[in-house]
Protein backbone atom coordinates (compact mmCIF):
# COMPACT_ATOMS: atom_id res chain seq x y z
CA UNK A 1 1.85 -9.36 -37.97
CA UNK A 2 4.66 -11.46 -35.82
CA UNK A 3 6.84 -13.06 -38.46
CA UNK A 4 6.32 -16.82 -38.94
CA UNK A 5 9.21 -18.38 -36.50
CA UNK A 6 11.23 -21.46 -38.17
CA UNK A 7 14.21 -23.08 -36.54
CA UNK A 8 17.34 -24.07 -38.59
CA UNK A 9 17.49 -27.75 -39.33
CA UNK A 10 21.04 -29.04 -38.95
CA UNK A 11 22.67 -32.62 -39.16
CA UNK A 12 25.43 -33.98 -37.45
CA UNK A 13 27.82 -36.72 -37.99
CA UNK A 14 28.89 -38.16 -34.65
CA UNK A 15 32.14 -40.23 -36.05
CA UNK A 16 34.04 -42.67 -33.26
CA UNK A 17 36.75 -44.66 -34.06
CA UNK A 18 39.37 -46.44 -31.46
CA UNK A 19 37.75 -44.44 -28.75
CA UNK A 20 38.18 -41.33 -30.21
CA UNK A 21 35.64 -38.76 -31.76
CA UNK A 22 36.44 -36.57 -34.77
CA UNK A 23 35.32 -32.76 -34.38
CA UNK A 24 36.38 -30.05 -36.80
CA UNK A 25 37.67 -27.27 -35.62
CA UNK A 26 36.33 -24.02 -37.84
CA UNK A 27 36.18 -20.31 -37.73
CA UNK A 28 32.92 -18.67 -36.40
CA UNK A 29 31.48 -14.98 -35.82
CA UNK A 30 32.79 -16.28 -32.00
CA UNK A 31 36.37 -17.06 -33.01
CA UNK A 32 37.94 -20.59 -33.42
CA UNK A 33 35.56 -23.40 -32.40
CA UNK A 34 35.19 -27.10 -32.20
CA UNK A 35 32.07 -28.94 -33.55
CA UNK A 36 30.83 -32.40 -34.61
CA UNK A 37 31.16 -32.52 -38.57
CA UNK A 38 27.62 -30.43 -39.29
CA UNK A 39 25.75 -28.31 -41.18
CA UNK A 40 22.51 -27.06 -42.45
CA UNK A 41 19.93 -29.18 -44.09
CA UNK A 42 19.48 -28.03 -47.90
CA UNK A 43 16.38 -27.83 -50.33
CA UNK A 44 15.54 -31.22 -51.65
CA UNK A 45 17.60 -33.41 -49.54
CA UNK A 46 16.63 -35.78 -46.61
CA UNK A 47 18.65 -35.61 -43.42
CA UNK A 48 20.48 -38.55 -43.87
CA UNK A 49 21.91 -37.50 -47.28
CA UNK A 50 22.43 -34.01 -45.55
CA UNK A 51 24.79 -35.59 -43.28
CA UNK A 52 26.47 -37.29 -45.54
CA UNK A 53 27.16 -34.38 -47.62
CA UNK A 54 28.11 -32.09 -44.72
CA UNK A 55 30.60 -35.00 -43.23
CA UNK A 56 32.19 -35.02 -46.73
CA UNK A 57 32.79 -31.08 -47.10
CA UNK A 58 34.05 -30.85 -43.46
CA UNK A 59 36.18 -33.65 -42.98
CA UNK A 60 37.11 -35.07 -46.81
CA UNK A 61 36.16 -38.52 -45.56
CA UNK A 62 32.80 -40.16 -46.91
CA UNK A 63 30.66 -40.98 -44.02
CA UNK A 64 27.18 -43.30 -44.34
CA UNK A 65 24.94 -42.51 -41.45
CA UNK A 66 23.58 -46.06 -39.91
CA UNK A 67 21.61 -44.98 -37.08
CA UNK A 68 20.11 -41.80 -35.49
CA UNK A 69 21.21 -40.87 -32.09
CA UNK A 70 18.62 -38.06 -31.61
CA UNK A 71 16.97 -35.10 -32.36
CA UNK A 72 17.73 -32.25 -30.35
CA UNK A 73 16.52 -28.42 -30.16
CA UNK A 74 18.84 -25.68 -29.11
CA UNK A 75 18.53 -22.05 -28.93
CA UNK A 76 22.09 -19.94 -29.66
CA UNK A 77 21.99 -15.89 -28.41
CA UNK A 78 23.31 -13.74 -31.62
CA UNK A 79 24.98 -11.01 -29.62
CA UNK A 80 25.36 -8.90 -33.40
CA UNK A 81 21.88 -9.22 -34.61
CA UNK A 82 20.59 -9.24 -31.26
CA UNK A 83 18.12 -12.25 -31.98
CA UNK A 84 18.46 -15.67 -31.18
CA UNK A 85 18.50 -18.53 -33.68
CA UNK A 86 16.80 -21.92 -32.79
CA UNK A 87 18.56 -25.02 -34.22
CA UNK A 88 17.09 -28.45 -34.74
CA UNK A 89 19.77 -31.13 -35.11
CA UNK A 90 19.48 -34.80 -36.44
CA UNK A 91 22.56 -36.19 -35.25
CA UNK A 92 23.70 -39.71 -36.90
CA UNK A 93 25.99 -42.50 -36.18
CA UNK A 94 27.40 -44.12 -38.95
CA UNK A 95 30.64 -46.04 -40.74
CA UNK A 96 33.46 -43.46 -41.99
CA UNK A 97 35.19 -44.34 -45.10
CA UNK A 98 38.81 -43.35 -46.37
CA UNK A 99 40.17 -39.70 -46.47
CA UNK A 100 40.17 -38.34 -49.88
CA UNK A 101 43.40 -36.35 -49.32
CA UNK A 102 42.69 -34.14 -52.53
CA UNK A 103 39.97 -32.69 -51.37
CA UNK A 104 39.47 -29.25 -49.78
CA UNK A 105 37.68 -28.92 -46.70
CA UNK A 106 34.77 -26.57 -46.62
CA UNK A 107 35.27 -22.86 -46.20
CA UNK A 108 36.18 -21.78 -42.26
CA UNK A 109 37.05 -25.46 -41.40
CA UNK A 110 40.70 -25.31 -40.50
CA UNK A 111 41.28 -28.72 -39.62
CA UNK A 112 39.66 -32.12 -38.24
CA UNK A 113 41.20 -33.34 -34.69
CA UNK A 114 40.47 -36.89 -32.97
CA UNK A 115 39.71 -36.40 -29.40
CA UNK A 116 38.83 -38.79 -26.48
CA UNK A 117 35.75 -38.28 -24.81
CA UNK A 118 37.54 -36.74 -21.48
CA UNK A 119 39.46 -34.18 -24.10
CA UNK A 120 35.98 -33.19 -25.51
CA UNK A 121 34.53 -32.99 -22.28
CA UNK A 122 37.52 -30.64 -21.26
CA UNK A 123 37.46 -28.55 -24.44
CA UNK A 124 33.18 -27.53 -23.66
CA UNK A 125 34.29 -23.84 -23.57
CA UNK A 126 35.41 -23.92 -27.09
CA UNK A 127 32.58 -26.01 -28.48
CA UNK A 128 30.50 -24.23 -31.00
CA UNK A 129 27.25 -25.35 -28.94
CA UNK A 130 26.45 -27.48 -26.05
CA UNK A 131 25.20 -29.91 -28.63
CA UNK A 132 28.58 -31.30 -29.51
CA UNK A 133 29.20 -32.69 -26.19
CA UNK A 134 25.46 -34.00 -25.60
CA UNK A 135 25.41 -36.00 -28.97
CA UNK A 136 28.76 -37.40 -27.72
CA UNK A 137 26.96 -38.20 -24.68
CA UNK A 138 24.23 -39.92 -25.91
CA UNK A 139 26.50 -41.79 -28.66
CA UNK A 140 28.63 -43.21 -25.64
CA UNK A 141 25.53 -44.29 -23.82
CA UNK A 142 24.37 -46.40 -26.65
CA UNK A 143 21.58 -44.41 -27.83
CA UNK A 144 20.42 -45.35 -31.47
CA UNK A 145 17.48 -45.20 -33.42
CA UNK A 146 17.14 -46.55 -36.63
CA UNK A 147 17.02 -44.71 -39.92
CA UNK A 148 13.34 -45.58 -40.62
CA UNK A 149 12.41 -43.52 -37.55
CA UNK A 150 12.75 -40.33 -40.19
CA UNK A 151 10.46 -40.54 -42.96
CA UNK A 152 10.84 -38.18 -45.93
CA UNK A 153 7.81 -37.58 -48.44
CA UNK A 154 9.15 -38.30 -51.94
CA UNK A 155 8.35 -34.98 -52.76
CA UNK A 156 10.70 -33.55 -50.82
CA UNK A 157 13.66 -34.27 -53.30
CA UNK A 158 10.93 -34.29 -56.59
CA UNK A 159 11.57 -38.03 -56.66
CA UNK A 160 8.78 -40.03 -58.81
CA UNK A 161 6.00 -41.88 -56.93
CA UNK A 162 6.78 -45.31 -55.81
CA UNK A 163 10.60 -44.38 -55.16
CA UNK A 164 11.54 -43.21 -51.55
CA UNK A 165 14.24 -40.86 -50.41
CA UNK A 166 16.57 -42.09 -47.72
């Protein structure tokens, strides 16, 4: 019997301020790469909650998602294991809070960078995924959808009936 296929669900914060985008520089199996603040959806959380958590862990800034930029599907070849991994990414625009200077960055994150769109485009060979640039281009094009587009059943977080997760 063929194993069941399951994409990895990820979230990304597309953070823009004064015409620059915040990226993180991180250690990967392929070396030092650039990425949007991003990570995996954990059990018991909604994509909105996961995005806020991942942005905080990777940038030491609070982040409040305010709009969905898009939902993306991408396949990444895995040279070491020989298996491809498919990622389903929810990308969000939102409001960046102040820096918590005492908060350490997630393991593997070297630093945050603020880059212009042209700098992001020029650095494409260093991107962790082609989705890094695609999400920024969609943000620049004004693509925004209401967060209400994403529905999470209350049972996802074990919420009580009558309450709704983000």
